[in-house]
Amino acid sequence: MNQASPLLQLKQLTVAPKKTPARLLVNQVSFSIDRGKTTCVVGESGSGKSLTALSVMGLLSKQLQLTSGQVLFNDGESGEQDLTQLDEAHLRKIRGAKIGMIFQEPMTSLNPVLTVGYQIGESLTTHLGMKGDLLKAKIASLLEMVGIPPSRANSYPDELSGGQRQRVMIAMSIACEPRLLIADEPTTALDVTVQAQILKLLDELKTRMNVGMLFITHDFGVVADIADDVVVMFRGQIVESGTKEQVLNHPQHPYTKALLACVPDAEGKNALKPIDYAWLPENQRSPQASNEILVAVV
């Protein structure tokens, strides 16, 4: 493996609806992630963050299409591959094995009629051929790694708390020791204390397993906690990128400054306020523009 080559490179990635291909939902997005580093993609709802992540996994809905661009993945074994050129059979071998994904709401991602142990074990059986006592031991080890007693392997999702379900999702995503972990707003539905626990767990796993992480969020508090690099998206385009220190301490783009201005300080002195779009040319302002307010983890 070429050590200088990033784990993941997105080059001019563009996504549009099949019926209206001129409407670009993700517009020429380019950035890279190194192994052992976390890149946070931040922006309002509808900015293209999740679509970018789903494009990497090849999980776009049937109504959408990748119209151009490359997703170059260097797993250290097969060399650099453009995931956009692989068929579904090859992508299935990569998903779960070499790229893991943590979704925003575990109750819609976990099967309610299967035990969490069974669901964790599915990828181990599919990708690594594990079974019997070896499989049980690995499931127990993964549960312990994410802070859940191994005895809960026989529990069903609705018997666990929201934080425990999210930990199960993390265990599933790291089961086969992937090179890349994609987390799509994994702490949004959790209370502040549990959010902090999950972020700490993910950061520890990133260091222990030396994985690269693509973390989707709208929360600059999360960015401050977990990011190495930051990509700011607005209406499907990257408007600013850089290290966490550069973007948080010395933002250059008006949109980044507007997002940061929405975050209350730790003392709660600054009232929450909607994003100010005054910097946009008037002919580009849209009544559909979101006034979502970004709240920090404090």
C-alpha atoms as a PDB file:
ATOM      1  CA  MET A   1       0.000   0.000   0.000  1.00  0.00           C
ATOM      2  CA  ASN A   2       1.180   3.464  -0.791  1.00  0.00           C
ATOM      3  CA  GLN A   3       1.328   5.117   2.654  1.00  0.00           C
ATOM      4  CA  ALA A   4       0.836   8.533   1.072  1.00  0.00           C
ATOM      5  CA  SER A   5      -2.455   7.487  -0.491  1.00  0.00           C
ATOM      6  CA  PRO A   6      -5.589   8.479   1.497  1.00  0.00           C
ATOM      7  CA  LEU A   7      -7.935   5.788   2.738  1.00  0.00           C
ATOM      8  CA  LEU A   8     -10.850   7.458   0.942  1.00  0.00           C
ATOM      9  CA  GLN A   9     -10.940  10.101  -1.772  1.00  0.00           C
ATOM     10  CA  LEU A  10     -14.072  11.703  -3.160  1.00  0.00           C
ATOM     11  CA  LYS A  11     -13.427  13.414  -6.481  1.00  0.00           C
ATOM     12  CA  GLN A  12     -16.036  15.727  -8.022  1.00  0.00           C
ATOM     13  CA  LEU A  13     -18.893  13.617  -6.670  1.00  0.00           C
ATOM     14  CA  THR A  14     -22.242  14.708  -8.147  1.00  0.00           C
ATOM     15  CA  VAL A  15     -25.721  13.327  -7.360  1.00  0.00           C
ATOM     16  CA  ALA A  16     -29.031  14.282  -8.978  1.00  0.00           C
ATOM     17  CA  PRO A  17     -32.609  12.956  -9.261  1.00  0.00           C
ATOM     18  CA  LYS A  18     -33.105  10.729 -12.298  1.00  0.00           C
ATOM     19  CA  LYS A  19     -36.197  12.662 -13.375  1.00  0.00           C
ATOM     20  CA  THR A  20     -34.528  16.071 -13.056  1.00  0.00           C
ATOM     21  CA  PRO A  21     -30.790  15.511 -13.621  1.00  0.00           C
ATOM     22  CA  ALA A  22     -30.113  19.247 -13.865  1.00  0.00           C
ATOM     23  CA  ARG A  23     -31.030  19.628 -10.179  1.00  0.00           C
ATOM     24  CA  LEU A  24     -27.777  18.803  -8.395  1.00  0.00           C
ATOM     25  CA  LEU A  25     -28.272  17.581  -4.832  1.00  0.00           C
ATOM     26  CA  VAL A  26     -24.541  16.948  -4.366  1.00  0.00           C
ATOM     27  CA  ASN A  27     -22.438  19.150  -6.598  1.00  0.00           C
ATOM     28  CA  GLN A  28     -18.802  18.231  -7.355  1.00  0.00           C
ATOM     29  CA  VAL A  29     -17.867  17.315  -3.796  1.00  0.00           C
ATOM     30  CA  SER A  30     -14.185  16.471  -3.231  1.00  0.00           C
ATOM     31  CA  PHE A  31     -12.329  15.613  -0.020  1.00  0.00           C
ATOM     32  CA  SER A  32     -10.217  12.822   1.438  1.00  0.00           C
ATOM     33  CA  ILE A  33      -9.867  10.873   4.685  1.00  0.00           C
ATOM     34  CA  ASP A  34      -6.706   9.290   6.065  1.00  0.00           C
ATOM     35  CA  ARG A  35      -6.637   6.181   8.204  1.00  0.00           C
ATOM     36  CA  GLY A  36      -6.861   7.009  11.905  1.00  0.00           C
ATOM     37  CA  LYS A  37      -8.454  10.412  11.199  1.00  0.00           C
ATOM     38  CA  THR A  38     -12.007  11.718  11.501  1.00  0.00           C
ATOM     39  CA  THR A  39     -13.509  14.040   8.903  1.00  0.00           C
ATOM     40  CA  CYS A  40     -16.748  15.708   9.987  1.00  0.00           C
ATOM     41  CA  VAL A  41     -19.138  16.851   7.265  1.00  0.00           C
ATOM     42  CA  VAL A  42     -21.318  19.591   8.732  1.00  0.00           C
ATOM     43  CA  GLY A  43     -24.252  21.619   7.467  1.00  0.00           C
ATOM     44  CA  GLU A  44     -27.996  22.118   7.755  1.00  0.00           C
ATOM     45  CA  SER A  45     -30.607  19.494   6.942  1.00  0.00           C
ATOM     46  CA  GLY A  46     -30.796  19.176   3.168  1.00  0.00           C
ATOM     47  CA  SER A  47     -27.230  20.316   2.555  1.00  0.00           C
ATOM     48  CA  GLY A  48     -26.219  16.972   1.005  1.00  0.00           C
ATOM     49  CA  LYS A  49     -24.318  15.469   3.949  1.00  0.00           C
ATOM     50  CA  SER A  50     -26.134  12.138   4.152  1.00  0.00           C
ATOM     51  CA  LEU A  51     -26.398  11.792   0.369  1.00  0.00           C
ATOM     52  CA  THR A  52     -22.621  12.106   0.214  1.00  0.00           C
ATOM     53  CA  ALA A  53     -22.232   9.308   2.764  1.00  0.00           C
ATOM     54  CA  LEU A  54     -24.782   7.082   1.021  1.00  0.00           C
ATOM     55  CA  SER A  55     -22.952   7.638  -2.275  1.00  0.00           C
ATOM     56  CA  VAL A  56     -19.785   6.213  -0.732  1.00  0.00           C
ATOM     57  CA  MET A  57     -21.686   3.089   0.316  1.00  0.00           C
ATOM     58  CA  GLY A  58     -23.534   2.782  -3.003  1.00  0.00           C
ATOM     59  CA  LEU A  59     -26.863   3.066  -1.163  1.00  0.00           C
ATOM     60  CA  LEU A  60     -28.601   5.857  -3.058  1.00  0.00           C
ATOM     61  CA  SER A  61     -32.340   5.398  -3.525  1.00  0.00           C
ATOM     62  CA  LYS A  62     -33.650   4.286  -6.905  1.00  0.00           C
ATOM     63  CA  GLN A  63     -34.876   7.813  -7.602  1.00  0.00           C
ATOM     64  CA  LEU A  64     -31.342   9.221  -7.446  1.00  0.00           C
ATOM     65  CA  GLN A  65     -28.232   8.713  -9.559  1.00  0.00           C
ATOM     66  CA  LEU A  66     -24.529   9.404  -9.313  1.00  0.00           C
ATOM     67  CA  THR A  67     -24.015  11.496 -12.434  1.00  0.00           C
ATOM     68  CA  SER A  68     -20.255  11.965 -12.192  1.00  0.00           C
ATOM     69  CA  GLY A  69     -17.253  11.657  -9.919  1.00  0.00           C
ATOM     70  CA  GLN A  70     -15.166   8.994  -8.234  1.00  0.00           C
ATOM     71  CA  VAL A  71     -15.087   7.341  -4.805  1.00  0.00           C
ATOM     72  CA  LEU A  72     -11.566   5.963  -4.452  1.00  0.00           C
ATOM     73  CA  PHE A  73     -11.127   3.500  -1.586  1.00  0.00           C
ATOM     74  CA  ASN A  74      -7.715   2.099  -0.639  1.00  0.00           C
ATOM     75  CA  ASP A  75      -8.250  -0.811   1.747  1.00  0.00           C
ATOM     76  CA  GLY A  76      -4.570  -1.741   1.942  1.00  0.00           C
ATOM     77  CA  GLU A  77      -5.175  -5.150   0.353  1.00  0.00           C
ATOM     78  CA  SER A  78      -6.827  -4.749  -3.030  1.00  0.00           C
ATOM     79  CA  GLY A  79      -5.205  -1.418  -3.785  1.00  0.00           C
ATOM     80  CA  GLU A  80      -7.186   1.631  -4.787  1.00  0.00           C
ATOM     81  CA  GLN A  81     -10.667   0.913  -6.168  1.00  0.00           C
ATOM     82  CA  ASP A  82     -13.273   3.274  -7.566  1.00  0.00           C
ATOM     83  CA  LEU A  83     -16.409   2.167  -5.707  1.00  0.00           C
ATOM     84  CA  THR A  84     -18.642   3.854  -8.279  1.00  0.00           C
ATOM     85  CA  GLN A  85     -17.461   1.330 -10.879  1.00  0.00           C
ATOM     86  CA  LEU A  86     -18.233  -1.795  -8.825  1.00  0.00           C
ATOM     87  CA  ASP A  87     -21.388  -3.847  -9.282  1.00  0.00           C
ATOM     88  CA  GLU A  88     -23.752  -4.619  -6.414  1.00  0.00           C
ATOM     89  CA  ALA A  89     -22.197  -8.023  -5.687  1.00  0.00           C
ATOM     90  CA  HIS A  90     -18.756  -6.490  -5.164  1.00  0.00           C
ATOM     91  CA  LEU A  91     -20.165  -3.642  -3.079  1.00  0.00           C
ATOM     92  CA  ARG A  92     -21.871  -6.134  -0.757  1.00  0.00           C
ATOM     93  CA  LYS A  93     -18.495  -7.727  -0.062  1.00  0.00           C
ATOM     94  CA  ILE A  94     -17.107  -4.337   0.951  1.00  0.00           C
ATOM     95  CA  ARG A  95     -20.075  -3.110   3.008  1.00  0.00           C
ATOM     96  CA  GLY A  96     -19.791  -4.371   6.555  1.00  0.00           C
ATOM     97  CA  ALA A  97     -16.409  -5.980   5.937  1.00  0.00           C
ATOM     98  CA  LYS A  98     -14.232  -3.045   4.904  1.00  0.00           C
ATOM     99  CA  ILE A  99     -16.636  -0.130   5.333  1.00  0.00           C
ATOM    100  CA  GLY A 100     -18.965  -0.014   8.334  1.00  0.00           C
ATOM    101  CA  MET A 101     -21.902   2.363   8.744  1.00  0.00           C
ATOM    102  CA  ILE A 102     -23.733   3.627  11.832  1.00  0.00           C
ATOM    103  CA  PHE A 103     -27.146   5.059  11.065  1.00  0.00           C
ATOM    104  CA  GLN A 104     -28.941   7.884  12.826  1.00  0.00           C
ATOM    105  CA  GLU A 105     -31.844   5.960  14.378  1.00  0.00           C
ATOM    106  CA  PRO A 106     -31.082   2.388  15.518  1.00  0.00           C
ATOM    107  CA  MET A 107     -34.741   1.419  15.949  1.00  0.00           C
ATOM    108  CA  THR A 108     -35.271   1.786  12.197  1.00  0.00           C
ATOM    109  CA  SER A 109     -32.011  -0.050  11.429  1.00  0.00           C
ATOM    110  CA  LEU A 110     -32.250  -2.981  13.838  1.00  0.00           C
ATOM    111  CA  ASN A 111     -34.675  -5.828  13.140  1.00  0.00           C
ATOM    112  CA  PRO A 112     -37.194  -5.864  16.015  1.00  0.00           C
ATOM    113  CA  VAL A 113     -37.835  -9.637  15.827  1.00  0.00           C
ATOM    114  CA  LEU A 114     -34.178 -10.745  15.976  1.00  0.00           C
ATOM    115  CA  THR A 115     -31.896 -10.666  19.013  1.00  0.00           C
ATOM    116  CA  VAL A 116     -29.098  -8.124  18.970  1.00  0.00           C
ATOM    117  CA  GLY A 117     -26.557 -10.933  19.242  1.00  0.00           C
ATOM    118  CA  TYR A 118     -27.903 -12.549  16.091  1.00  0.00           C
ATOM    119  CA  GLN A 119     -27.779  -9.240  14.239  1.00  0.00           C
ATOM    120  CA  ILE A 120     -24.190  -8.553  15.302  1.00  0.00           C
ATOM    121  CA  GLY A 121     -23.239 -12.061  14.212  1.00  0.00           C
ATOM    122  CA  GLU A 122     -24.748 -11.786  10.724  1.00  0.00           C
ATOM    123  CA  SER A 123     -21.816  -9.870   9.230  1.00  0.00           C
ATOM    124  CA  LEU A 124     -19.307 -12.126  11.002  1.00  0.00           C
ATOM    125  CA  THR A 125     -20.931 -15.179   9.427  1.00  0.00           C
ATOM    126  CA  THR A 126     -21.389 -13.566   6.012  1.00  0.00           C
ATOM    127  CA  HIS A 127     -17.938 -12.010   5.633  1.00  0.00           C
ATOM    128  CA  LEU A 128     -15.692 -14.130   7.886  1.00  0.00           C
ATOM    129  CA  GLY A 129     -17.525 -17.466   7.981  1.00  0.00           C
ATOM    130  CA  MET A 130     -17.644 -17.542  11.792  1.00  0.00           C
ATOM    131  CA  LYS A 131     -19.996 -19.951  13.536  1.00  0.00           C
ATOM    132  CA  GLY A 132     -20.504 -21.895  16.748  1.00  0.00           C
ATOM    133  CA  ASP A 133     -18.541 -21.075  19.875  1.00  0.00           C
ATOM    134  CA  LEU A 134     -16.115 -18.825  17.990  1.00  0.00           C
ATOM    135  CA  LEU A 135     -19.019 -16.701  16.790  1.00  0.00           C
ATOM    136  CA  LYS A 136     -20.547 -16.494  20.275  1.00  0.00           C
ATOM    137  CA  ALA A 137     -17.209 -15.477  21.777  1.00  0.00           C
ATOM    138  CA  LYS A 138     -16.709 -12.756  19.165  1.00  0.00           C
ATOM    139  CA  ILE A 139     -20.220 -11.364  19.742  1.00  0.00           C
ATOM    140  CA  ALA A 140     -19.573 -11.281  23.494  1.00  0.00           C
ATOM    141  CA  SER A 141     -16.255  -9.526  22.917  1.00  0.00           C
ATOM    142  CA  LEU A 142     -17.859  -6.887  20.695  1.00  0.00           C
ATOM    143  CA  LEU A 143     -20.610  -6.200  23.227  1.00  0.00           C
ATOM    144  CA  GLU A 144     -18.010  -5.781  25.965  1.00  0.00           C
ATOM    145  CA  MET A 145     -16.013  -3.465  23.713  1.00  0.00           C
ATOM    146  CA  VAL A 146     -18.977  -1.101  23.389  1.00  0.00           C
ATOM    147  CA  GLY A 147     -19.899  -1.290  27.068  1.00  0.00           C
ATOM    148  CA  ILE A 148     -22.820  -3.748  27.028  1.00  0.00           C
ATOM    149  CA  PRO A 149     -22.881  -6.933  29.169  1.00  0.00           C
ATOM    150  CA  PRO A 150     -22.495 -10.016  26.910  1.00  0.00           C
ATOM    151  CA  SER A 151     -25.647 -11.449  28.486  1.00  0.00           C
ATOM    152  CA  ARG A 152     -27.668  -8.858  26.551  1.00  0.00           C
ATOM    153  CA  ALA A 153     -26.848 -10.729  23.306  1.00  0.00           C
ATOM    154  CA  ASN A 154     -30.170 -12.527  23.768  1.00  0.00           C
ATOM    155  CA  SER A 155     -32.122  -9.271  24.143  1.00  0.00           C
ATOM    156  CA  TYR A 156     -34.328  -7.756  21.472  1.00  0.00           C
ATOM    157  CA  PRO A 157     -33.880  -4.116  20.401  1.00  0.00           C
ATOM    158  CA  ASP A 158     -36.996  -2.894  22.244  1.00  0.00           C
ATOM    159  CA  GLU A 159     -35.574  -4.295  25.494  1.00  0.00           C
ATOM    160  CA  LEU A 160     -32.606  -1.907  25.311  1.00  0.00           C
ATOM    161  CA  SER A 161     -32.327   1.815  25.926  1.00  0.00           C
ATOM    162  CA  GLY A 162     -31.626   4.234  23.070  1.00  0.00           C
ATOM    163  CA  GLY A 163     -27.980   4.504  24.051  1.00  0.00           C
ATOM    164  CA  GLN A 164     -27.613   0.716  24.257  1.00  0.00           C
ATOM    165  CA  ARG A 165     -29.212   0.280  20.836  1.00  0.00           C
ATOM    166  CA  GLN A 166     -26.759   2.773  19.364  1.00  0.00           C
ATOM    167  CA  ARG A 167     -23.901   0.853  20.989  1.00  0.00           C
ATOM    168  CA  VAL A 168     -25.227  -2.319  19.360  1.00  0.00           C
ATOM    169  CA  MET A 169     -25.159  -0.510  16.002  1.00  0.00           C
ATOM    170  CA  ILE A 170     -21.540   0.451  16.654  1.00  0.00           C
ATOM    171  CA  ALA A 171     -20.704  -3.170  17.546  1.00  0.00           C
ATOM    172  CA  MET A 172     -22.287  -4.285  14.255  1.00  0.00           C
ATOM    173  CA  SER A 173     -20.348  -1.685  12.277  1.00  0.00           C
ATOM    174  CA  ILE A 174     -16.932  -2.667  13.712  1.00  0.00           C
ATOM    175  CA  ALA A 175     -17.518  -6.439  13.856  1.00  0.00           C
ATOM    176  CA  CYS A 176     -15.318  -7.224  10.844  1.00  0.00           C
ATOM    177  CA  GLU A 177     -12.738  -4.548  11.724  1.00  0.00           C
ATOM    178  CA  PRO A 178     -13.439  -2.240   8.769  1.00  0.00           C
ATOM    179  CA  ARG A 179     -10.920   0.254   7.425  1.00  0.00           C
ATOM    180  CA  LEU A 180     -13.534   3.024   7.153  1.00  0.00           C
ATOM    181  CA  LEU A 181     -16.410   3.856   9.489  1.00  0.00           C
ATOM    182  CA  ILE A 182     -19.266   6.099   8.345  1.00  0.00           C
ATOM    183  CA  ALA A 183     -21.414   7.593  11.103  1.00  0.00           C
ATOM    184  CA  ASP A 184     -24.541   9.433   9.957  1.00  0.00           C
ATOM    185  CA  GLU A 185     -25.579  11.669  12.875  1.00  0.00           C
ATOM    186  CA  PRO A 186     -25.377   8.732  15.322  1.00  0.00           C
ATOM    187  CA  THR A 187     -26.018  10.829  18.442  1.00  0.00           C
ATOM    188  CA  THR A 188     -28.933  12.997  17.265  1.00  0.00           C
ATOM    189  CA  ALA A 189     -31.681  11.002  19.019  1.00  0.00           C
ATOM    190  CA  LEU A 190     -29.765  10.645  22.299  1.00  0.00           C
ATOM    191  CA  ASP A 191     -29.692  12.826  25.393  1.00  0.00           C
ATOM    192  CA  VAL A 192     -26.636  14.947  26.093  1.00  0.00           C
ATOM    193  CA  THR A 193     -24.993  12.582  28.594  1.00  0.00           C
ATOM    194  CA  VAL A 194     -25.382   9.535  26.336  1.00  0.00           C
ATOM    195  CA  GLN A 195     -24.176  11.573  23.331  1.00  0.00           C
ATOM    196  CA  ALA A 196     -20.945  12.328  25.160  1.00  0.00           C
ATOM    197  CA  GLN A 197     -20.495   8.630  26.014  1.00  0.00           C
ATOM    198  CA  ILE A 198     -21.052   7.533  22.414  1.00  0.00           C
ATOM    199  CA  LEU A 199     -18.641  10.164  21.050  1.00  0.00           C
ATOM    200  CA  LYS A 200     -15.981   9.076  23.534  1.00  0.00           C
ATOM    201  CA  LEU A 201     -16.514   5.435  22.558  1.00  0.00           C
ATOM    202  CA  LEU A 202     -16.212   6.184  18.832  1.00  0.00           C
ATOM    203  CA  ASP A 203     -13.043   8.206  19.363  1.00  0.00           C
ATOM    204  CA  GLU A 204     -11.507   5.403  21.431  1.00  0.00           C
ATOM    205  CA  LEU A 205     -12.414   2.793  18.809  1.00  0.00           C
ATOM    206  CA  LYS A 206     -10.972   4.965  16.041  1.00  0.00           C
ATOM    207  CA  THR A 207      -7.642   5.133  17.889  1.00  0.00           C
ATOM    208  CA  ARG A 208      -7.630   1.472  18.906  1.00  0.00           C
ATOM    209  CA  MET A 209      -8.532   0.136  15.451  1.00  0.00           C
ATOM    210  CA  ASN A 210      -6.829   2.883  13.401  1.00  0.00           C
ATOM    211  CA  VAL A 211      -9.886   3.349  11.207  1.00  0.00           C
ATOM    212  CA  GLY A 212     -10.735   6.405   9.165  1.00  0.00           C
ATOM    213  CA  MET A 213     -14.077   7.922  10.074  1.00  0.00           C
ATOM    214  CA  LEU A 214     -16.550   9.967   8.032  1.00  0.00           C
ATOM    215  CA  PHE A 215     -18.824  11.624  10.576  1.00  0.00           C
ATOM    216  CA  ILE A 216     -22.001  13.389   9.407  1.00  0.00           C
ATOM    217  CA  THR A 217     -23.377  16.018  11.791  1.00  0.00           C
ATOM    218  CA  HIS A 218     -25.163  19.361  12.072  1.00  0.00           C
ATOM    219  CA  ASP A 219     -23.677  19.951  15.524  1.00  0.00           C
ATOM    220  CA  PHE A 220     -20.510  21.998  15.977  1.00  0.00           C
ATOM    221  CA  GLY A 221     -20.284  20.722  19.546  1.00  0.00           C
ATOM    222  CA  VAL A 222     -19.753  17.243  18.089  1.00  0.00           C
ATOM    223  CA  VAL A 223     -17.239  18.649  15.603  1.00  0.00           C
ATOM    224  CA  ALA A 224     -15.232  20.193  18.439  1.00  0.00           C
ATOM    225  CA  ASP A 225     -15.187  16.869  20.295  1.00  0.00           C
ATOM    226  CA  ILE A 226     -14.350  14.391  17.566  1.00  0.00           C
ATOM    227  CA  ALA A 227     -13.076  15.964  14.318  1.00  0.00           C
ATOM    228  CA  ASP A 228      -9.591  16.115  12.883  1.00  0.00           C
ATOM    229  CA  ASP A 229     -10.779  17.751   9.663  1.00  0.00           C
ATOM    230  CA  VAL A 230     -14.010  19.548   8.790  1.00  0.00           C
ATOM    231  CA  VAL A 231     -15.985  19.894   5.557  1.00  0.00           C
ATOM    232  CA  VAL A 232     -18.808  22.476   5.519  1.00  0.00           C
ATOM    233  CA  MET A 233     -21.598  21.882   2.988  1.00  0.00           C
ATOM    234  CA  PHE A 234     -24.317  24.236   1.779  1.00  0.00           C
ATOM    235  CA  ARG A 235     -26.912  23.330  -0.868  1.00  0.00           C
ATOM    236  CA  GLY A 236     -24.917  20.333  -2.039  1.00  0.00           C
ATOM    237  CA  GLN A 237     -21.557  22.073  -2.324  1.00  0.00           C
ATOM    238  CA  ILE A 238     -18.497  22.374  -0.131  1.00  0.00           C
ATOM    239  CA  VAL A 239     -18.101  26.003   0.890  1.00  0.00           C
ATOM    240  CA  GLU A 240     -15.195  25.531   3.306  1.00  0.00           C
ATOM    241  CA  SER A 241     -12.846  22.806   4.508  1.00  0.00           C
ATOM    242  CA  GLY A 242      -9.766  22.513   6.661  1.00  0.00           C
ATOM    243  CA  THR A 243      -8.523  21.238   9.996  1.00  0.00           C
ATOM    244  CA  LYS A 244     -10.816  21.528  12.995  1.00  0.00           C
ATOM    245  CA  GLU A 245      -8.706  24.373  14.370  1.00  0.00           C
ATOM    246  CA  GLN A 246      -8.827  26.284  11.089  1.00  0.00           C
ATOM    247  CA  VAL A 247     -12.579  25.989  10.584  1.00  0.00           C
ATOM    248  CA  LEU A 248     -13.682  26.547  14.188  1.00  0.00           C
ATOM    249  CA  ASN A 249     -11.202  29.244  15.146  1.00  0.00           C
ATOM    250  CA  HIS A 250     -10.681  31.026  11.826  1.00  0.00           C
ATOM    251  CA  PRO A 251     -13.763  30.453   9.623  1.00  0.00           C
ATOM    252  CA  GLN A 252     -13.476  32.092   6.203  1.00  0.00           C
ATOM    253  CA  HIS A 253     -16.854  31.588   4.513  1.00  0.00           C
ATOM    254  CA  PRO A 254     -19.930  33.627   5.561  1.00  0.00           C
ATOM    255  CA  TYR A 255     -22.010  30.452   5.820  1.00  0.00           C
ATOM    256  CA  THR A 256     -19.533  28.825   8.233  1.00  0.00           C
ATOM    257  CA  LYS A 257     -19.554  32.006  10.307  1.00  0.00           C
ATOM    258  CA  ALA A 258     -23.368  31.987  10.269  1.00  0.00           C
ATOM    259  CA  LEU A 259     -23.484  28.375  11.448  1.00  0.00           C
ATOM    260  CA  LEU A 260     -21.049  29.051  14.265  1.00  0.00           C
ATOM    261  CA  ALA A 261     -23.047  32.109  15.311  1.00  0.00           C
ATOM    262  CA  CYS A 262     -26.038  29.811  15.910  1.00  0.00           C
ATOM    263  CA  VAL A 263     -24.224  27.824  18.583  1.00  0.00           C
ATOM    264  CA  PRO A 264     -24.911  29.072  22.133  1.00  0.00           C
ATOM    265  CA  ASP A 265     -21.973  29.466  24.484  1.00  0.00           C
ATOM    266  CA  ALA A 266     -21.450  27.092  27.400  1.00  0.00           C
ATOM    267  CA  GLU A 267     -22.907  29.596  29.873  1.00  0.00           C
ATOM    268  CA  GLY A 268     -26.068  29.936  27.787  1.00  0.00           C
ATOM    269  CA  LYS A 269     -25.670  33.678  27.506  1.00  0.00           C
ATOM    270  CA  ASN A 270     -26.235  33.798  23.753  1.00  0.00           C
ATOM    271  CA  ALA A 271     -29.827  33.202  22.711  1.00  0.00           C
ATOM    272  CA  LEU A 272     -30.455  30.707  19.919  1.00  0.00           C
ATOM    273  CA  LYS A 273     -31.034  32.394  16.612  1.00  0.00           C
ATOM    274  CA  PRO A 274     -31.761  31.262  13.043  1.00  0.00           C
ATOM    275  CA  ILE A 275     -29.102  31.296  10.367  1.00  0.00           C
ATOM    276  CA  ASP A 276     -28.728  34.629   8.639  1.00  0.00           C
ATOM    277  CA  TYR A 277     -28.679  34.236   4.838  1.00  0.00           C
ATOM    278  CA  ALA A 278     -28.023  37.929   4.207  1.00  0.00           C
ATOM    279  CA  TRP A 279     -24.666  37.059   2.656  1.00  0.00           C
ATOM    280  CA  LEU A 280     -26.393  35.246  -0.223  1.00  0.00           C
ATOM    281  CA  PRO A 281     -27.207  37.228  -3.380  1.00  0.00           C
ATOM    282  CA  GLU A 282     -30.925  38.011  -3.306  1.00  0.00           C
ATOM    283  CA  ASN A 283     -31.631  36.019  -6.468  1.00  0.00           C
ATOM    284  CA  GLN A 284     -30.178  32.909  -4.778  1.00  0.00           C
ATOM    285  CA  ARG A 285     -32.223  33.116  -1.612  1.00  0.00           C
ATOM    286  CA  SER A 286     -34.919  30.501  -1.414  1.00  0.00           C
ATOM    287  CA  PRO A 287     -38.080  30.260   0.675  1.00  0.00           C
ATOM    288  CA  GLN A 288     -37.130  26.615   1.185  1.00  0.00           C
ATOM    289  CA  ALA A 289     -33.864  27.580   2.901  1.00  0.00           C
ATOM    290  CA  SER A 290     -33.780  25.922   6.302  1.00  0.00           C
ATOM    291  CA  ASN A 291     -33.691  27.950   9.484  1.00  0.00           C
ATOM    292  CA  GLU A 292     -32.542  24.912  11.460  1.00  0.00           C
ATOM    293  CA  ILE A 293     -30.751  25.928  14.623  1.00  0.00           C
ATOM    294  CA  LEU A 294     -27.549  24.112  15.525  1.00  0.00           C
ATOM    295  CA  VAL A 295     -27.224  23.251  19.183  1.00  0.00           C
ATOM    296  CA  ALA A 296     -23.881  22.364  20.743  1.00  0.00           C
ATOM    297  CA  VAL A 297     -23.295  19.460  23.125  1.00  0.00           C
ATOM    298  CA  VAL A 298     -22.515  21.252  26.383  1.00  0.00           C
END
